[in-house]
């Protein structure tokens, strides 16, 4: 008798659970059965295991190619000039089986690696695109920004390169401007000075490049509210949760009163944090807070006076309302 007639080599996970008993239940001693979803006891309902291994094929079918299944692989990424589809020749001296490669074969692999490096880009434009995307990844990593913003900045730079906005301008400046534009479009509180601190070009060149992107691409940039800067300032100063909550409340009152119109939002946020720290008896110097907010102490004091006037007006309104109710 052949072995295939005795031992079952495969099984179908779509078969009902009654055909695959796996042993007694550790709780009640009942019958344990496995289906495509879980392994559970048929008597007491105890679930022993869920999410079993998928023994199906590893390829998938895309919507645009219903009749052409393909193997799974890494997803496309806008952070690479070829969207992450390129391959690299490694530097290992052993093959896949662990056998040491001969000297002649190593020389051949070295020549192949050199030719692959030369043929990586189809032209100068693609090489410049790769350089700009690399600069964006460096800036995002230095500022510890999220990966979603990195992808958005790379997509924005790719669009600018497609519109021929890079011609005649610095690649580093356009890369830094793309990161700043992505921050502005998503409402992330990052100032131009922070981008300039990690960029390879001056602040003026980044500002000019951002102005070009904003004008030519019509970016949906939104003004950053002072309340967006408050959590970072409070975290850097190590203030309490009560002070953070009070600073956010003051920042919202200042925005509703129009104090921050035409002013730097980080300065208004610093004034709100300073007032909240004073109300809760936490010591914060104007010089330290001004350095974190990238404003001078004189600007901080001027904005603080505006914030105090708004708070005094709100207190007077509350008193008037209480007197009118009585």
Protein backbone atom coordinates (compact mmCIF):
# COMPACT_ATOMS: atom_id res chain seq x y z
CA UNK A 1 0.00 0.00 0.00
CA UNK A 2 1.36 3.44 -0.91
CA UNK A 3 2.12 5.94 1.82
CA UNK A 4 -0.15 8.53 0.25
CA UNK A 5 -3.11 6.21 0.92
CA UNK A 6 -2.35 6.13 4.65
CA UNK A 7 -1.19 9.65 5.59
CA UNK A 8 -3.13 12.77 4.76
CA UNK A 9 -0.71 15.32 3.33
CA UNK A 10 -2.94 18.39 3.12
CA UNK A 11 -6.21 19.69 4.49
CA UNK A 12 -8.77 22.25 3.48
CA UNK A 13 -9.46 24.98 6.02
CA UNK A 14 -12.87 25.60 4.49
CA UNK A 15 -14.08 22.15 5.56
CA UNK A 16 -16.51 22.35 8.51
CA UNK A 17 -15.04 22.10 11.98
CA UNK A 18 -16.47 18.61 12.72
CA UNK A 19 -13.93 17.00 10.36
CA UNK A 20 -10.89 18.28 12.29
CA UNK A 21 -11.00 17.33 15.96
CA UNK A 22 -7.80 18.20 17.83
CA UNK A 23 -8.19 16.58 21.25
CA UNK A 24 -10.04 16.99 24.57
CA UNK A 25 -10.83 20.37 26.11
CA UNK A 26 -8.57 21.23 29.11
CA UNK A 27 -11.55 22.71 30.99
CA UNK A 28 -14.46 20.30 30.52
CA UNK A 29 -12.91 17.43 28.60
CA UNK A 30 -15.16 18.03 25.60
CA UNK A 31 -14.32 17.87 21.92
CA UNK A 32 -12.01 20.57 20.61
CA UNK A 33 -12.49 21.47 16.96
CA UNK A 34 -10.61 23.78 14.59
CA UNK A 35 -12.03 25.73 11.67
CA UNK A 36 -10.75 28.58 9.54
CA UNK A 37 -11.27 31.13 12.33
CA UNK A 38 -10.43 29.59 15.70
CA UNK A 39 -9.86 26.50 17.80
CA UNK A 40 -12.65 26.11 20.37
CA UNK A 41 -14.45 23.53 22.48
CA UNK A 42 -17.75 22.35 21.04
CA UNK A 43 -19.26 21.76 24.51
CA UNK A 44 -18.27 24.73 26.69
CA UNK A 45 -17.24 27.19 23.97
CA UNK A 46 -13.71 27.82 25.34
CA UNK A 47 -11.52 29.42 22.66
CA UNK A 48 -8.04 27.91 22.77
CA UNK A 49 -6.50 29.63 19.74
CA UNK A 50 -7.52 32.18 17.13
CA UNK A 51 -5.99 33.70 14.02
CA UNK A 52 -4.45 30.49 12.64
CA UNK A 53 -1.74 30.40 10.02
CA UNK A 54 -2.98 31.14 6.53
CA UNK A 55 -1.91 28.21 4.35
CA UNK A 56 -3.18 29.85 1.17
CA UNK A 57 -1.06 31.31 -1.64
CA UNK A 58 1.17 34.30 -0.90
CA UNK A 59 0.40 36.12 -4.15
CA UNK A 60 -2.41 38.59 -4.57
CA UNK A 61 -4.47 40.05 -7.39
CA UNK A 62 -4.68 43.81 -7.88
CA UNK A 63 -7.83 45.61 -8.96
CA UNK A 64 -6.36 46.91 -12.19
CA UNK A 65 -5.05 43.45 -13.12
CA UNK A 66 -7.75 40.95 -12.10
CA UNK A 67 -6.36 38.12 -14.20
CA UNK A 68 -2.67 38.53 -13.35
CA UNK A 69 -1.86 37.52 -9.76
CA UNK A 70 1.49 38.81 -8.49
CA UNK A 71 3.76 38.04 -5.58
CA UNK A 72 3.60 40.21 -2.52
CA UNK A 73 6.36 42.74 -2.04
CA UNK A 74 7.21 46.08 -0.47
CA UNK A 75 4.69 48.85 -1.14
CA UNK A 76 5.46 51.86 -3.27
CA UNK A 77 7.06 54.75 -1.43
CA UNK A 78 7.38 58.35 -2.63
CA UNK A 79 10.62 58.77 -0.67
CA UNK A 80 12.70 57.04 -3.36
CA UNK A 81 13.29 58.23 -6.88
CA UNK A 82 12.21 54.83 -8.25
CA UNK A 83 9.43 54.46 -5.63
CA UNK A 84 11.36 51.72 -3.82
CA UNK A 85 11.50 49.19 -6.66
CA UNK A 86 15.28 49.14 -7.11
CA UNK A 87 17.56 46.36 -5.90
CA UNK A 88 21.07 46.42 -4.51
CA UNK A 89 23.99 44.03 -4.87
CA UNK A 90 25.37 43.22 -1.44
CA UNK A 91 28.98 42.97 -0.26
CA UNK A 92 28.83 39.50 1.31
CA UNK A 93 31.56 37.02 0.40
CA UNK A 94 29.21 34.04 0.68
CA UNK A 95 26.28 32.89 -1.41
CA UNK A 96 22.80 31.89 -0.24
CA UNK A 97 24.05 28.47 0.87
CA UNK A 98 26.91 29.92 2.94
CA UNK A 99 29.61 28.88 0.47
CA UNK A 100 32.52 31.29 0.12
CA UNK A 101 32.54 32.99 -3.28
CA UNK A 102 35.75 32.67 -5.25
CA UNK A 103 37.96 35.66 -5.98
CA UNK A 104 36.99 35.69 -9.65
CA UNK A 105 33.30 35.67 -8.84
CA UNK A 106 33.79 38.49 -6.34
CA UNK A 107 35.49 40.59 -9.00
CA UNK A 108 32.62 39.89 -11.36
CA UNK A 109 30.07 40.92 -8.71
CA UNK A 110 32.07 44.09 -8.10
CA UNK A 111 31.91 44.98 -11.78
CA UNK A 112 28.18 44.29 -11.80
CA UNK A 113 27.76 46.53 -8.76
CA UNK A 114 29.63 49.34 -10.49
CA UNK A 115 27.52 49.06 -13.63
CA UNK A 116 24.34 48.96 -11.56
CA UNK A 117 25.38 52.17 -9.79
CA UNK A 118 26.03 53.86 -13.11
CA UNK A 119 22.71 52.76 -14.59
CA UNK A 120 20.61 53.56 -11.56
CA UNK A 121 19.39 56.86 -13.01
CA UNK A 122 18.03 57.38 -16.49
CA UNK A 123 19.20 60.97 -16.61
CA UNK A 124 20.37 64.00 -14.68
CA UNK A 125 16.81 64.95 -13.70
CA UNK A 126 16.26 61.61 -11.97
CA UNK A 127 19.60 61.90 -10.20
CA UNK A 128 18.65 65.37 -8.93
CA UNK A 129 15.31 63.96 -7.79
CA UNK A 130 17.10 61.27 -5.79
CA UNK A 131 19.33 63.90 -4.19
CA UNK A 132 16.37 66.05 -3.21
CA UNK A 133 14.42 63.15 -1.71
CA UNK A 134 17.49 62.13 0.29
CA UNK A 135 17.76 65.67 1.66
CA UNK A 136 14.09 65.60 2.67
CA UNK A 137 14.58 62.33 4.55
CA UNK A 138 17.57 63.82 6.36
CA UNK A 139 15.67 66.96 7.44
CA UNK A 140 12.65 64.96 8.59
CA UNK A 141 14.88 62.64 10.61
CA UNK A 142 16.72 65.56 12.22
CA UNK A 143 13.43 67.22 13.24
CA UNK A 144 11.89 63.89 14.37
CA UNK A 145 8.81 64.41 12.20
CA UNK A 146 6.26 61.64 11.46
CA UNK A 147 6.63 59.39 8.44
CA UNK A 148 3.31 60.57 7.01
CA UNK A 149 4.67 64.10 6.77
CA UNK A 150 7.87 62.77 5.19
CA UNK A 151 5.86 61.06 2.47
CA UNK A 152 3.83 64.21 1.90
CA UNK A 153 6.96 66.35 1.62
CA UNK A 154 8.51 63.90 -0.86
CA UNK A 155 5.34 63.86 -2.95
CA UNK A 156 5.30 67.66 -2.94
CA UNK A 157 8.92 67.81 -4.06
CA UNK A 158 8.21 65.28 -6.81
CA UNK A 159 5.32 67.45 -8.01
CA UNK A 160 7.56 70.54 -8.00
CA UNK A 161 10.16 68.66 -10.02
CA UNK A 162 7.49 67.58 -12.50
CA UNK A 163 6.36 71.21 -12.87
CA UNK A 164 10.00 72.20 -13.57
CA UNK A 165 10.17 74.44 -10.49
CA UNK A 166 13.60 73.11 -9.48
CA UNK A 167 15.34 74.50 -12.54
CA UNK A 168 17.59 77.41 -11.58
CA UNK A 169 17.05 76.90 -7.85
CA UNK A 170 18.90 75.05 -5.13
CA UNK A 171 17.90 71.44 -4.55
CA UNK A 172 18.56 71.77 -0.81
CA UNK A 173 16.40 74.90 -0.59
CA UNK A 174 13.48 73.28 -2.40
CA UNK A 175 13.79 70.16 -0.23
CA UNK A 176 13.69 72.23 2.96
CA UNK A 177 10.82 74.30 1.58
CA UNK A 178 8.89 71.10 0.81
CA UNK A 179 9.25 69.98 4.43
CA UNK A 180 8.11 73.38 5.70
CA UNK A 181 5.19 73.40 3.24
CA UNK A 182 4.10 69.95 4.41
CA UNK A 183 4.18 71.21 8.01
CA UNK A 184 2.07 74.23 7.06
CA UNK A 185 -0.45 72.15 5.12
CA UNK A 186 -0.93 69.67 7.97
CA UNK A 187 -0.98 72.33 10.70
CA UNK A 188 2.14 70.98 12.42
CA UNK A 189 3.75 73.70 14.59
CA UNK A 190 7.22 73.98 13.06
CA UNK A 191 8.74 77.38 12.39
CA UNK A 192 10.95 78.36 9.49
CA UNK A 193 13.83 78.87 11.91
CA UNK A 194 13.61 75.24 13.02
CA UNK A 195 13.84 74.10 9.40
CA UNK A 196 16.75 76.49 8.86
CA UNK A 197 18.62 75.04 11.87
CA UNK A 198 18.96 71.61 10.21
CA UNK A 199 19.03 72.72 6.58
CA UNK A 200 22.14 73.18 4.45
CA UNK A 201 21.05 76.57 3.06
CA UNK A 202 20.12 79.92 4.54
CA UNK A 203 16.71 80.93 5.84
CA UNK A 204 16.21 83.45 3.05
CA UNK A 205 16.66 80.83 0.34
CA UNK A 206 14.21 78.48 2.07
CA UNK A 207 11.68 81.32 2.34
CA UNK A 208 12.03 82.17 -1.35
CA UNK A 209 11.65 78.51 -2.33
CA UNK A 210 8.55 78.13 -0.16
CA UNK A 211 7.07 81.27 -1.72
CA UNK A 212 7.53 79.70 -5.15
CA UNK A 213 5.87 76.45 -4.07
CA UNK A 214 2.98 78.29 -2.46
CA UNK A 215 2.40 80.50 -5.49
CA UNK A 216 2.83 77.93 -8.27
CA UNK A 217 1.20 74.90 -6.62
CA UNK A 218 -1.47 76.83 -4.67
CA UNK A 219 -0.81 75.00 -1.43
CA UNK A 220 -3.67 74.64 1.08
CA UNK A 221 -1.52 76.13 3.84
CA UNK A 222 -3.37 77.11 7.00
CA UNK A 223 -2.16 79.51 9.70
CA UNK A 224 -0.95 77.75 12.82
CA UNK A 225 -2.91 78.65 15.96
CA UNK A 226 -0.99 79.63 19.11
CA UNK A 227 -2.54 76.67 20.95
CA UNK A 228 -0.59 74.30 18.68
CA UNK A 229 2.72 75.51 20.15
CA UNK A 230 1.64 75.23 23.78
CA UNK A 231 2.15 71.45 24.35
CA UNK A 232 5.72 71.53 23.03
CA UNK A 233 6.67 74.55 25.15
CA UNK A 234 5.12 73.04 28.28
CA UNK A 235 6.90 69.73 27.65
CA UNK A 236 10.28 71.40 27.15
CA UNK A 237 9.88 73.40 30.37
CA UNK A 238 8.59 70.45 32.39
CA UNK A 239 5.49 72.23 33.67
CA UNK A 240 2.54 70.54 35.34
CA UNK A 241 -0.61 69.28 33.68
CA UNK A 242 -2.67 72.03 35.31
CA UNK A 243 -0.40 74.68 33.83
CA UNK A 244 -0.67 73.06 30.41
CA UNK A 245 -4.45 72.99 30.59
CA UNK A 246 -4.58 76.62 31.72
CA UNK A 247 -2.18 77.70 28.96
CA UNK A 248 -4.36 76.05 26.32
CA UNK A 249 -7.41 77.81 27.72
CA UNK A 250 -5.65 81.17 27.64
CA UNK A 251 -4.44 80.55 24.10
CA UNK A 252 -7.99 79.85 22.93
CA UNK A 253 -9.25 83.01 24.61
CA UNK A 254 -6.48 85.01 22.94
CA UNK A 255 -7.33 83.55 19.53
CA UNK A 256 -11.02 84.35 19.96
CA UNK A 257 -10.16 87.93 20.98
CA UNK A 258 -7.96 88.37 17.91
CA UNK A 259 -4.76 89.02 19.85
CA UNK A 260 -2.67 86.83 17.58
CA UNK A 261 -3.80 88.48 14.34
CA UNK A 262 -0.71 89.63 12.48
CA UNK A 263 1.61 88.38 15.23
CA UNK A 264 3.89 85.41 15.48
CA UNK A 265 1.85 82.53 16.94
CA UNK A 266 4.82 81.13 18.86
CA UNK A 267 5.15 84.46 20.72
CA UNK A 268 1.48 84.38 21.72
CA UNK A 269 1.86 80.77 22.85
CA UNK A 270 4.92 81.67 24.93
CA UNK A 271 2.97 84.52 26.59
CA UNK A 272 0.11 82.14 27.40
CA UNK A 273 2.50 79.58 28.92
CA UNK A 274 4.21 82.31 30.94
CA UNK A 275 0.89 83.56 32.35
CA UNK A 276 -0.26 80.00 33.17
CA UNK A 277 3.03 79.27 34.95
CA UNK A 278 2.68 82.44 37.04
CA UNK A 279 -0.89 81.57 38.02
CA UNK A 280 0.18 78.11 39.24
CA UNK A 281 3.31 79.34 41.01
CA UNK A 282 5.78 77.59 38.71
CA UNK A 283 9.01 79.45 38.02
CA UNK A 284 9.74 80.14 34.37
CA UNK A 285 12.15 82.79 33.12
CA UNK A 286 11.30 84.95 30.15
CA UNK A 287 14.72 84.34 28.61
CA UNK A 288 14.35 80.54 28.66
CA UNK A 289 10.80 80.68 27.34
CA UNK A 290 11.81 83.15 24.63
CA UNK A 291 14.62 80.87 23.47
CA UNK A 292 12.26 77.90 23.17
CA UNK A 293 9.67 79.95 21.28
CA UNK A 294 12.36 81.64 19.17
CA UNK A 295 11.28 85.15 20.18
CA UNK A 296 12.98 87.89 22.15
CA UNK A 297 12.19 88.72 25.76
CA UNK A 298 10.82 92.10 24.68
CA UNK A 299 8.38 90.42 22.30
CA UNK A 300 7.35 87.99 25.02
CA UNK A 301 6.62 90.83 27.46
CA UNK A 302 4.63 92.75 24.86
CA UNK A 303 2.48 89.72 24.03
CA UNK A 304 2.08 88.94 27.72
CA UNK A 305 0.58 92.39 28.31
CA UNK A 306 -1.94 91.72 25.53
CA UNK A 307 -2.84 88.37 27.02
CA UNK A 308 -3.32 89.87 30.46
CA UNK A 309 -5.63 92.53 29.04
CA UNK A 310 -7.74 89.80 27.43
CA UNK A 311 -7.94 87.90 30.72
CA UNK A 312 -8.91 91.06 32.62
CA UNK A 313 -11.67 91.76 30.10
CA UNK A 314 -12.98 88.20 30.38
CA UNK A 315 -13.03 88.44 34.19
CA UNK A 316 -14.98 91.70 34.02
CA UNK A 317 -17.53 90.09 31.71
CA UNK A 318 -17.97 87.18 34.13
CA UNK A 319 -18.49 89.60 37.03
CA UNK A 320 -21.05 91.58 35.07
CA UNK A 321 -22.93 88.45 34.12
CA UNK A 322 -23.01 87.24 37.74
CA UNK A 323 -24.29 90.63 38.95
CA UNK A 324 -26.97 90.67 36.28
CA UNK A 325 -28.12 87.16 37.27
CA UNK A 326 -28.49 88.22 40.92
